[in-house]
Amino acid sequence: IYPSWSEERYMQLTDIFKLDPKRKLHRFSKGMKRQAAFLLALSCMPELLILDEPIDGLDPVMRRMIKNLLFQETAARELTVVISSHNLREIEDMCDHVGIMHQ
């Protein structure tokens, strides 16, 4: 389905996230589902990644890891990431540009 899918990247991210690929998604916790979503999204090797509340439900260690992964992806592949969040403090260190919507 995804022409730019990278099995190599999928395996790398599986090792990073430590998620059991044989386990059903509905059995994962909220944080684990969020990690699985990142794993799959980044394995698709997109040019544009649109995220809505990307680190909601993650513990502080995982938040830092996700941020680092996004930094690495944007630097290595010139990935463009668009983030929607109500908590600017959590994502302000990740952004080059900020737009604020009111009403």
PDB file of N, CA and C in Angstrom:
ATOM      1  N   ILE A   1       0.824  -1.191   0.000  1.00  0.00           N
ATOM      2  CA  ILE A   1       0.000   0.000   0.000  1.00  0.00           C
ATOM      3  C   ILE A   1       0.867   1.252   0.000  1.00  0.00           C
ATOM      4  N   TYR A   2       1.962   1.236   0.740  1.00  0.00           N
ATOM      5  CA  TYR A   2       2.827   2.410   0.855  1.00  0.00           C
ATOM      6  C   TYR A   2       4.077   2.204  -0.002  1.00  0.00           C
ATOM      7  N   PRO A   3       4.177   2.906  -1.109  1.00  0.00           N
ATOM      8  CA  PRO A   3       5.295   2.669  -2.028  1.00  0.00           C
ATOM      9  C   PRO A   3       6.665   2.977  -1.432  1.00  0.00           C
ATOM     10  N   SER A   4       6.732   3.838  -0.439  1.00  0.00           N
ATOM     11  CA  SER A   4       8.024   4.177   0.149  1.00  0.00           C
ATOM     12  C   SER A   4       8.293   3.431   1.458  1.00  0.00           C
ATOM     13  N   TRP A   5       7.488   2.388   1.744  1.00  0.00           N
ATOM     14  CA  TRP A   5       7.653   1.604   2.968  1.00  0.00           C
ATOM     15  C   TRP A   5       9.078   1.054   3.038  1.00  0.00           C
ATOM     16  N   SER A   6       9.690   1.159   4.224  1.00  0.00           N
ATOM     17  CA  SER A   6      11.043   0.655   4.427  1.00  0.00           C
ATOM     18  C   SER A   6      11.021  -0.428   5.501  1.00  0.00           C
ATOM     19  N   GLU A   7      11.205  -1.654   5.069  1.00  0.00           N
ATOM     20  CA  GLU A   7      11.246  -2.774   6.015  1.00  0.00           C
ATOM     21  C   GLU A   7      12.455  -2.639   6.941  1.00  0.00           C
ATOM     22  N   GLU A   8      13.547  -2.126   6.405  1.00  0.00           N
ATOM     23  CA  GLU A   8      14.751  -1.920   7.220  1.00  0.00           C
ATOM     24  C   GLU A   8      14.471  -0.914   8.341  1.00  0.00           C
ATOM     25  N   ARG A   9      13.813   0.190   8.005  1.00  0.00           N
ATOM     26  CA  ARG A   9      13.486   1.204   9.017  1.00  0.00           C
ATOM     27  C   ARG A   9      12.496   0.636  10.036  1.00  0.00           C
ATOM     28  N   TYR A  10      11.549  -0.159   9.568  1.00  0.00           N
ATOM     29  CA  TYR A  10      10.580  -0.807  10.453  1.00  0.00           C
ATOM     30  C   TYR A  10      11.302  -1.663  11.492  1.00  0.00           C
ATOM     31  N   MET A  11      12.271  -2.452  11.057  1.00  0.00           N
ATOM     32  CA  MET A  11      13.005  -3.325  11.974  1.00  0.00           C
ATOM     33  C   MET A  11      13.835  -2.501  12.962  1.00  0.00           C
ATOM     34  N   GLN A  12      14.448  -1.417  12.484  1.00  0.00           N
ATOM     35  CA  GLN A  12      15.211  -0.542  13.378  1.00  0.00           C
ATOM     36  C   GLN A  12      14.303   0.046  14.454  1.00  0.00           C
ATOM     37  N   LEU A  13      13.147   0.531  14.040  1.00  0.00           N
ATOM     38  CA  LEU A  13      12.220   1.155  14.983  1.00  0.00           C
ATOM     39  C   LEU A  13      11.595   0.137  15.927  1.00  0.00           C
ATOM     40  N   THR A  14      11.396  -1.087  15.460  1.00  0.00           N
ATOM     41  CA  THR A  14      10.890  -2.147  16.332  1.00  0.00           C
ATOM     42  C   THR A  14      11.872  -2.399  17.467  1.00  0.00           C
ATOM     43  N   ASP A  15      13.155  -2.363  17.154  1.00  0.00           N
ATOM     44  CA  ASP A  15      14.177  -2.525  18.197  1.00  0.00           C
ATOM     45  C   ASP A  15      14.190  -1.346  19.157  1.00  0.00           C
ATOM     46  N   ILE A  16      13.983  -0.143  18.638  1.00  0.00           N
ATOM     47  CA  ILE A  16      13.987   1.064  19.476  1.00  0.00           C
ATOM     48  C   ILE A  16      12.782   1.090  20.410  1.00  0.00           C
ATOM     49  N   PHE A  17      11.603   0.845  19.863  1.00  0.00           N
ATOM     50  CA  PHE A  17      10.374   0.935  20.646  1.00  0.00           C
ATOM     51  C   PHE A  17      10.112  -0.293  21.512  1.00  0.00           C
ATOM     52  N   LYS A  18      10.756  -1.388  21.213  1.00  0.00           N
ATOM     53  CA  LYS A  18      10.597  -2.619  22.007  1.00  0.00           C
ATOM     54  C   LYS A  18       9.139  -3.083  22.085  1.00  0.00           C
ATOM     55  N   LEU A  19       8.430  -2.972  20.973  1.00  0.00           N
ATOM     56  CA  LEU A  19       7.047  -3.446  20.913  1.00  0.00           C
ATOM     57  C   LEU A  19       7.028  -4.810  20.251  1.00  0.00           C
ATOM     58  N   ASP A  20       6.209  -5.693  20.753  1.00  0.00           N
ATOM     59  CA  ASP A  20       6.079  -7.031  20.184  1.00  0.00           C
ATOM     60  C   ASP A  20       5.213  -6.946  18.927  1.00  0.00           C
ATOM     61  N   PRO A  21       5.798  -7.185  17.747  1.00  0.00           N
ATOM     62  CA  PRO A  21       5.020  -7.067  16.509  1.00  0.00           C
ATOM     63  C   PRO A  21       3.919  -8.116  16.367  1.00  0.00           C
ATOM     64  N   LYS A  22       3.948  -9.148  17.190  1.00  0.00           N
ATOM     65  CA  LYS A  22       2.919 -10.187  17.116  1.00  0.00           C
ATOM     66  C   LYS A  22       1.733  -9.888  18.022  1.00  0.00           C
ATOM     67  N   ARG A  23       1.876  -8.890  18.874  1.00  0.00           N
ATOM     68  CA  ARG A  23       0.804  -8.549  19.821  1.00  0.00           C
ATOM     69  C   ARG A  23      -0.249  -7.684  19.134  1.00  0.00           C
ATOM     70  N   LYS A  24      -1.503  -7.925  19.413  1.00  0.00           N
ATOM     71  CA  LYS A  24      -2.606  -7.163  18.828  1.00  0.00           C
ATOM     72  C   LYS A  24      -2.606  -5.727  19.346  1.00  0.00           C
ATOM     73  N   LEU A  25      -2.872  -4.778  18.466  1.00  0.00           N
ATOM     74  CA  LEU A  25      -2.868  -3.364  18.845  1.00  0.00           C
ATOM     75  C   LEU A  25      -3.892  -3.043  19.926  1.00  0.00           C
ATOM     76  N   HIS A  26      -5.043  -3.676  19.886  1.00  0.00           N
ATOM     77  CA  HIS A  26      -6.080  -3.354  20.869  1.00  0.00           C
ATOM     78  C   HIS A  26      -5.673  -3.763  22.292  1.00  0.00           C
ATOM     79  N   ARG A  27      -4.637  -4.574  22.426  1.00  0.00           N
ATOM     80  CA  ARG A  27      -4.149  -4.986  23.741  1.00  0.00           C
ATOM     81  C   ARG A  27      -3.073  -4.041  24.287  1.00  0.00           C
ATOM     82  N   PHE A  28      -2.638  -3.081  23.467  1.00  0.00           N
ATOM     83  CA  PHE A  28      -1.629  -2.117  23.913  1.00  0.00           C
ATOM     84  C   PHE A  28      -2.256  -1.031  24.778  1.00  0.00           C
ATOM     85  N   SER A  29      -1.440  -0.442  25.658  1.00  0.00           N
ATOM     86  CA  SER A  29      -1.878   0.724  26.433  1.00  0.00           C
ATOM     87  C   SER A  29      -1.920   1.932  25.499  1.00  0.00           C
ATOM     88  N   LYS A  30      -2.454   3.044  25.987  1.00  0.00           N
ATOM     89  CA  LYS A  30      -2.525   4.262  25.171  1.00  0.00           C
ATOM     90  C   LYS A  30      -1.136   4.684  24.695  1.00  0.00           C
ATOM     91  N   GLY A  31      -0.166   4.659  25.594  1.00  0.00           N
ATOM     92  CA  GLY A  31       1.196   5.028  25.234  1.00  0.00           C
ATOM     93  C   GLY A  31       1.817   4.083  24.225  1.00  0.00           C
ATOM     94  N   MET A  32       1.556   2.791  24.378  1.00  0.00           N
ATOM     95  CA  MET A  32       2.079   1.811  23.435  1.00  0.00           C
ATOM     96  C   MET A  32       1.434   1.960  22.065  1.00  0.00           C
ATOM     97  N   LYS A  33       0.144   2.297  22.026  1.00  0.00           N
ATOM     98  CA  LYS A  33      -0.528   2.547  20.741  1.00  0.00           C
ATOM     99  C   LYS A  33       0.090   3.755  20.053  1.00  0.00           C
ATOM    100  N   ARG A  34       0.429   4.777  20.841  1.00  0.00           N
ATOM    101  CA  ARG A  34       1.064   5.981  20.293  1.00  0.00           C
ATOM    102  C   ARG A  34       2.434   5.630  19.711  1.00  0.00           C
ATOM    103  N   GLN A  35       3.174   4.786  20.424  1.00  0.00           N
ATOM    104  CA  GLN A  35       4.479   4.344  19.930  1.00  0.00           C
ATOM    105  C   GLN A  35       4.336   3.543  18.636  1.00  0.00           C
ATOM    106  N   ALA A  36       3.357   2.669  18.592  1.00  0.00           N
ATOM    107  CA  ALA A  36       3.116   1.868  17.390  1.00  0.00           C
ATOM    108  C   ALA A  36       2.756   2.766  16.215  1.00  0.00           C
ATOM    109  N   ALA A  37       1.987   3.811  16.470  1.00  0.00           N
ATOM    110  CA  ALA A  37       1.627   4.744  15.401  1.00  0.00           C
ATOM    111  C   ALA A  37       2.868   5.440  14.848  1.00  0.00           C
ATOM    112  N   PHE A  38       3.770   5.851  15.728  1.00  0.00           N
ATOM    113  CA  PHE A  38       5.027   6.464  15.282  1.00  0.00           C
ATOM    114  C   PHE A  38       5.860   5.469  14.492  1.00  0.00           C
ATOM    115  N   LEU A  39       5.959   4.260  15.001  1.00  0.00           N
ATOM    116  CA  LEU A  39       6.730   3.221  14.327  1.00  0.00           C
ATOM    117  C   LEU A  39       6.228   3.026  12.895  1.00  0.00           C
ATOM    118  N   LEU A  40       4.932   2.895  12.744  1.00  0.00           N
ATOM    119  CA  LEU A  40       4.364   2.673  11.415  1.00  0.00           C
ATOM    120  C   LEU A  40       4.470   3.912  10.528  1.00  0.00           C
ATOM    121  N   ALA A  41       4.218   5.083  11.102  1.00  0.00           N
ATOM    122  CA  ALA A  41       4.285   6.317  10.312  1.00  0.00           C
ATOM    123  C   ALA A  41       5.696   6.572   9.805  1.00  0.00           C
ATOM    124  N   LEU A  42       6.688   6.389  10.645  1.00  0.00           N
ATOM    125  CA  LEU A  42       8.069   6.641  10.224  1.00  0.00           C
ATOM    126  C   LEU A  42       8.587   5.550   9.296  1.00  0.00           C
ATOM    127  N   SER A  43       8.057   4.342   9.390  1.00  0.00           N
ATOM    128  CA  SER A  43       8.455   3.260   8.489  1.00  0.00           C
ATOM    129  C   SER A  43       7.950   3.494   7.069  1.00  0.00           C
ATOM    130  N   CYS A  44       6.916   4.297   6.940  1.00  0.00           N
ATOM    131  CA  CYS A  44       6.371   4.628   5.616  1.00  0.00           C
ATOM    132  C   CYS A  44       7.242   5.638   4.875  1.00  0.00           C
ATOM    133  N   MET A  45       8.215   6.209   5.577  1.00  0.00           N
ATOM    134  CA  MET A  45       9.149   7.171   5.007  1.00  0.00           C
ATOM    135  C   MET A  45       8.432   8.334   4.297  1.00  0.00           C
ATOM    136  N   PRO A  46       7.506   9.006   4.998  1.00  0.00           N
ATOM    137  CA  PRO A  46       6.755  10.080   4.348  1.00  0.00           C
ATOM    138  C   PRO A  46       7.627  11.325   4.138  1.00  0.00           C
ATOM    139  N   GLU A  47       7.214  12.166   3.206  1.00  0.00           N
ATOM    140  CA  GLU A  47       7.868  13.460   3.015  1.00  0.00           C
ATOM    141  C   GLU A  47       7.256  14.494   3.954  1.00  0.00           C
ATOM    142  N   LEU A  48       5.991  14.293   4.294  1.00  0.00           N
ATOM    143  CA  LEU A  48       5.252  15.185   5.187  1.00  0.00           C
ATOM    144  C   LEU A  48       4.579  14.333   6.246  1.00  0.00           C
ATOM    145  N   LEU A  49       4.776  14.717   7.506  1.00  0.00           N
ATOM    146  CA  LEU A  49       4.177  13.990   8.622  1.00  0.00           C
ATOM    147  C   LEU A  49       3.327  14.971   9.412  1.00  0.00           C
ATOM    148  N   ILE A  50       2.034  14.704   9.497  1.00  0.00           N
ATOM    149  CA  ILE A  50       1.108  15.570  10.221  1.00  0.00           C
ATOM    150  C   ILE A  50       0.728  14.868  11.515  1.00  0.00           C
ATOM    151  N   LEU A  51       1.000  15.542  12.637  1.00  0.00           N
ATOM    152  CA  LEU A  51       0.789  14.947  13.955  1.00  0.00           C
ATOM    153  C   LEU A  51      -0.181  15.790  14.776  1.00  0.00           C
ATOM    154  N   ASP A  52      -1.115  15.128  15.438  1.00  0.00           N
ATOM    155  CA  ASP A  52      -2.066  15.791  16.328  1.00  0.00           C
ATOM    156  C   ASP A  52      -1.804  15.296  17.745  1.00  0.00           C
ATOM    157  N   GLU A  53      -1.373  16.184  18.619  1.00  0.00           N
ATOM    158  CA  GLU A  53      -1.025  15.833  20.002  1.00  0.00           C
ATOM    159  C   GLU A  53      -0.101  14.613  20.025  1.00  0.00           C
ATOM    160  N   PRO A  54       1.068  14.709  19.394  1.00  0.00           N
ATOM    161  CA  PRO A  54       1.903  13.526  19.179  1.00  0.00           C
ATOM    162  C   PRO A  54       2.477  12.878  20.432  1.00  0.00           C
ATOM    163  N   ILE A  55       2.679  13.631  21.502  1.00  0.00           N
ATOM    164  CA  ILE A  55       3.301  13.020  22.681  1.00  0.00           C
ATOM    165  C   ILE A  55       2.332  12.864  23.846  1.00  0.00           C
ATOM    166  N   ASP A  56       1.055  13.069  23.574  1.00  0.00           N
ATOM    167  CA  ASP A  56       0.026  12.860  24.590  1.00  0.00           C
ATOM    168  C   ASP A  56      -0.023  11.378  24.955  1.00  0.00           C
ATOM    169  N   GLY A  57      -0.018  11.076  26.239  1.00  0.00           N
ATOM    170  CA  GLY A  57      -0.111   9.693  26.688  1.00  0.00           C
ATOM    171  C   GLY A  57       1.220   8.990  26.826  1.00  0.00           C
ATOM    172  N   LEU A  58       2.330   9.700  26.556  1.00  0.00           N
ATOM    173  CA  LEU A  58       3.647   9.094  26.667  1.00  0.00           C
ATOM    174  C   LEU A  58       4.342   9.540  27.952  1.00  0.00           C
ATOM    175  N   ASP A  59       5.142   8.654  28.516  1.00  0.00           N
ATOM    176  CA  ASP A  59       5.904   9.023  29.712  1.00  0.00           C
ATOM    177  C   ASP A  59       7.075   9.923  29.298  1.00  0.00           C
ATOM    178  N   PRO A  60       7.708  10.615  30.253  1.00  0.00           N
ATOM    179  CA  PRO A  60       8.776  11.568  29.913  1.00  0.00           C
ATOM    180  C   PRO A  60       9.942  10.970  29.126  1.00  0.00           C
ATOM    181  N   VAL A  61      10.313   9.744  29.427  1.00  0.00           N
ATOM    182  CA  VAL A  61      11.413   9.102  28.697  1.00  0.00           C
ATOM    183  C   VAL A  61      11.029   8.884  27.238  1.00  0.00           C
ATOM    184  N   MET A  62       9.812   8.394  27.029  1.00  0.00           N
ATOM    185  CA  MET A  62       9.352   8.140  25.660  1.00  0.00           C
ATOM    186  C   MET A  62       9.143   9.453  24.909  1.00  0.00           C
ATOM    187  N   ARG A  63       8.692  10.500  25.591  1.00  0.00           N
ATOM    188  CA  ARG A  63       8.535  11.810  24.949  1.00  0.00           C
ATOM    189  C   ARG A  63       9.872  12.289  24.389  1.00  0.00           C
ATOM    190  N   ARG A  64      10.920  12.151  25.213  1.00  0.00           N
ATOM    191  CA  ARG A  64      12.251  12.566  24.787  1.00  0.00           C
ATOM    192  C   ARG A  64      12.715  11.735  23.594  1.00  0.00           C
ATOM    193  N   MET A  65      12.453  10.430  23.634  1.00  0.00           N
ATOM    194  CA  MET A  65      12.863   9.561  22.538  1.00  0.00           C
ATOM    195  C   MET A  65      12.134   9.921  21.240  1.00  0.00           C
ATOM    196  N   ILE A  66      10.833  10.182  21.330  1.00  0.00           N
ATOM    197  CA  ILE A  66      10.058  10.562  20.148  1.00  0.00           C
ATOM    198  C   ILE A  66      10.593  11.871  19.575  1.00  0.00           C
ATOM    199  N   LYS A  67      10.852  12.844  20.431  1.00  0.00           N
ATOM    200  CA  LYS A  67      11.403  14.113  19.963  1.00  0.00           C
ATOM    201  C   LYS A  67      12.729  13.893  19.252  1.00  0.00           C
ATOM    202  N   ASN A  68      13.599  13.065  19.832  1.00  0.00           N
ATOM    203  CA  ASN A  68      14.891  12.781  19.205  1.00  0.00           C
ATOM    204  C   ASN A  68      14.730  12.097  17.857  1.00  0.00           C
ATOM    205  N   LEU A  69      13.790  11.156  17.778  1.00  0.00           N
ATOM    206  CA  LEU A  69      13.529  10.488  16.500  1.00  0.00           C
ATOM    207  C   LEU A  69      13.062  11.485  15.443  1.00  0.00           C
ATOM    208  N   LEU A  70      12.176  12.392  15.834  1.00  0.00           N
ATOM    209  CA  LEU A  70      11.697  13.393  14.879  1.00  0.00           C
ATOM    210  C   LEU A  70      12.827  14.319  14.443  1.00  0.00           C
ATOM    211  N   PHE A  71      13.711  14.702  15.377  1.00  0.00           N
ATOM    212  CA  PHE A  71      14.870  15.518  15.014  1.00  0.00           C
ATOM    213  C   PHE A  71      15.752  14.780  14.012  1.00  0.00           C
ATOM    214  N   GLN A  72      16.015  13.512  14.276  1.00  0.00           N
ATOM    215  CA  GLN A  72      16.860  12.711  13.394  1.00  0.00           C
ATOM    216  C   GLN A  72      16.244  12.567  12.007  1.00  0.00           C
ATOM    217  N   GLU A  73      14.932  12.298  11.974  1.00  0.00           N
ATOM    218  CA  GLU A  73      14.247  12.122  10.690  1.00  0.00           C
ATOM    219  C   GLU A  73      14.256  13.414   9.866  1.00  0.00           C
ATOM    220  N   THR A  74      13.998  14.532  10.522  1.00  0.00           N
ATOM    221  CA  THR A  74      13.975  15.800   9.781  1.00  0.00           C
ATOM    222  C   THR A  74      15.361  16.155   9.277  1.00  0.00           C
ATOM    223  N   ALA A  75      16.392  15.858  10.039  1.00  0.00           N
ATOM    224  CA  ALA A  75      17.759  16.170   9.610  1.00  0.00           C
ATOM    225  C   ALA A  75      18.239  15.226   8.506  1.00  0.00           C
ATOM    226  N   ALA A  76      17.958  13.948   8.662  1.00  0.00           N
ATOM    227  CA  ALA A  76      18.466  12.953   7.717  1.00  0.00           C
ATOM    228  C   ALA A  76      17.721  12.954   6.382  1.00  0.00           C
ATOM    229  N   ARG A  77      16.420  13.172   6.422  1.00  0.00           N
ATOM    230  CA  ARG A  77      15.611  13.019   5.204  1.00  0.00           C
ATOM    231  C   ARG A  77      14.905  14.295   4.768  1.00  0.00           C
ATOM    232  N   GLU A  78      15.151  15.384   5.466  1.00  0.00           N
ATOM    233  CA  GLU A  78      14.452  16.629   5.184  1.00  0.00           C
ATOM    234  C   GLU A  78      12.934  16.442   5.281  1.00  0.00           C
ATOM    235  N   LEU A  79      12.522  15.674   6.257  1.00  0.00           N
ATOM    236  CA  LEU A  79      11.115  15.432   6.538  1.00  0.00           C
ATOM    237  C   LEU A  79      10.480  16.714   7.065  1.00  0.00           C
ATOM    238  N   THR A  80       9.310  17.038   6.583  1.00  0.00           N
ATOM    239  CA  THR A  80       8.548  18.168   7.109  1.00  0.00           C
ATOM    240  C   THR A  80       7.510  17.621   8.079  1.00  0.00           C
ATOM    241  N   VAL A  81       7.490  18.183   9.292  1.00  0.00           N
ATOM    242  CA  VAL A  81       6.551  17.732  10.321  1.00  0.00           C
ATOM    243  C   VAL A  81       5.650  18.910  10.688  1.00  0.00           C
ATOM    244  N   VAL A  82       4.355  18.685  10.636  1.00  0.00           N
ATOM    245  CA  VAL A  82       3.361  19.670  11.066  1.00  0.00           C
ATOM    246  C   VAL A  82       2.711  19.106  12.325  1.00  0.00           C
ATOM    247  N   ILE A  83       2.755  19.895  13.408  1.00  0.00           N
ATOM    248  CA  ILE A  83       2.253  19.419  14.693  1.00  0.00           C
ATOM    249  C   ILE A  83       1.115  20.307  15.167  1.00  0.00           C
ATOM    250  N   SER A  84       0.029  19.680  15.575  1.00  0.00           N
ATOM    251  CA  SER A  84      -1.091  20.375  16.196  1.00  0.00           C
ATOM    252  C   SER A  84      -1.083  19.999  17.676  1.00  0.00           C
ATOM    253  N   SER A  85      -1.068  21.014  18.544  1.00  0.00           N
ATOM    254  CA  SER A  85      -1.047  20.733  19.974  1.00  0.00           C
ATOM    255  C   SER A  85      -1.590  21.923  20.741  1.00  0.00           C
ATOM    256  N   HIS A  86      -2.223  21.655  21.852  1.00  0.00           N
ATOM    257  CA  HIS A  86      -2.679  22.733  22.722  1.00  0.00           C
ATOM    258  C   HIS A  86      -1.621  23.075  23.760  1.00  0.00           C
ATOM    259  N   ASN A  87      -0.589  22.232  23.894  1.00  0.00           N
ATOM    260  CA  ASN A  87       0.448  22.442  24.890  1.00  0.00           C
ATOM    261  C   ASN A  87       1.746  22.879  24.203  1.00  0.00           C
ATOM    262  N   LEU A  88       1.919  24.195  24.060  1.00  0.00           N
ATOM    263  CA  LEU A  88       3.083  24.723  23.365  1.00  0.00           C
ATOM    264  C   LEU A  88       4.385  24.459  24.108  1.00  0.00           C
ATOM    265  N   ARG A  89       4.343  24.407  25.419  1.00  0.00           N
ATOM    266  CA  ARG A  89       5.571  24.160  26.190  1.00  0.00           C
ATOM    267  C   ARG A  89       6.195  22.817  25.855  1.00  0.00           C
ATOM    268  N   GLU A  90       5.374  21.828  25.577  1.00  0.00           N
ATOM    269  CA  GLU A  90       5.901  20.497  25.273  1.00  0.00           C
ATOM    270  C   GLU A  90       6.563  20.417  23.912  1.00  0.00           C
ATOM    271  N   ILE A  91       6.143  21.251  22.981  1.00  0.00           N
ATOM    272  CA  ILE A  91       6.667  21.123  21.621  1.00  0.00           C
ATOM    273  C   ILE A  91       7.485  22.314  21.153  1.00  0.00           C
ATOM    274  N   GLU A  92       7.606  23.354  21.979  1.00  0.00           N
ATOM    275  CA  GLU A  92       8.276  24.566  21.518  1.00  0.00           C
ATOM    276  C   GLU A  92       9.733  24.332  21.132  1.00  0.00           C
ATOM    277  N   ASP A  93      10.411  23.385  21.773  1.00  0.00           N
ATOM    278  CA  ASP A  93      11.798  23.113  21.428  1.00  0.00           C
ATOM    279  C   ASP A  93      11.943  22.322  20.129  1.00  0.00           C
ATOM    280  N   MET A  94      10.832  21.850  19.577  1.00  0.00           N
ATOM    281  CA  MET A  94      10.862  21.070  18.345  1.00  0.00           C
ATOM    282  C   MET A  94      10.582  21.920  17.101  1.00  0.00           C
ATOM    283  N   CYS A  95      10.060  23.103  17.280  1.00  0.00           N
ATOM    284  CA  CYS A  95       9.509  23.860  16.156  1.00  0.00           C
ATOM    285  C   CYS A  95      10.430  24.942  15.616  1.00  0.00           C
ATOM    286  N   ASP A  96      10.443  25.073  14.298  1.00  0.00           N
ATOM    287  CA  ASP A  96      11.114  26.197  13.646  1.00  0.00           C
ATOM    288  C   ASP A  96      10.151  27.365  13.496  1.00  0.00           C
ATOM    289  N   HIS A  97       8.881  27.038  13.240  1.00  0.00           N
ATOM    290  CA  HIS A  97       7.849  28.045  13.038  1.00  0.00           C
ATOM    291  C   HIS A  97       6.626  27.660  13.858  1.00  0.00           C
ATOM    292  N   VAL A  98       5.938  28.675  14.395  1.00  0.00           N
ATOM    293  CA  VAL A  98       4.746  28.444  15.193  1.00  0.00           C
ATOM    294  C   VAL A  98       3.622  29.299  14.641  1.00  0.00           C
ATOM    295  N   GLY A  99       2.473  28.699  14.480  1.00  0.00           N
ATOM    296  CA  GLY A  99       1.268  29.434  14.106  1.00  0.00           C
ATOM    297  C   GLY A  99       0.219  29.180  15.169  1.00  0.00           C
ATOM    298  N   ILE A 100      -0.473  30.221  15.569  1.00  0.00           N
ATOM    299  CA  ILE A 100      -1.480  30.075  16.614  1.00  0.00           C
ATOM    300  C   ILE A 100      -2.843  30.410  16.019  1.00  0.00           C
ATOM    301  N   MET A 101      -3.805  29.512  16.250  1.00  0.00           N
ATOM    302  CA  MET A 101      -5.168  29.734  15.779  1.00  0.00           C
ATOM    303  C   MET A 101      -6.011  30.171  16.965  1.00  0.00           C
ATOM    304  N   HIS A 102      -6.835  31.169  16.756  1.00  0.00           N
ATOM    305  CA  HIS A 102      -7.728  31.661  17.801  1.00  0.00           C
ATOM    306  C   HIS A 102      -9.149  31.593  17.263  1.00  0.00           C
ATOM    307  N   GLN A 103     -10.043  30.957  18.003  1.00  0.00           N
ATOM    308  CA  GLN A 103     -11.462  30.777  17.656  1.00  0.00           C
ATOM    309  C   GLN A 103     -11.572  30.106  16.292  1.00  0.00           C
TER     310      GLN A 103
END
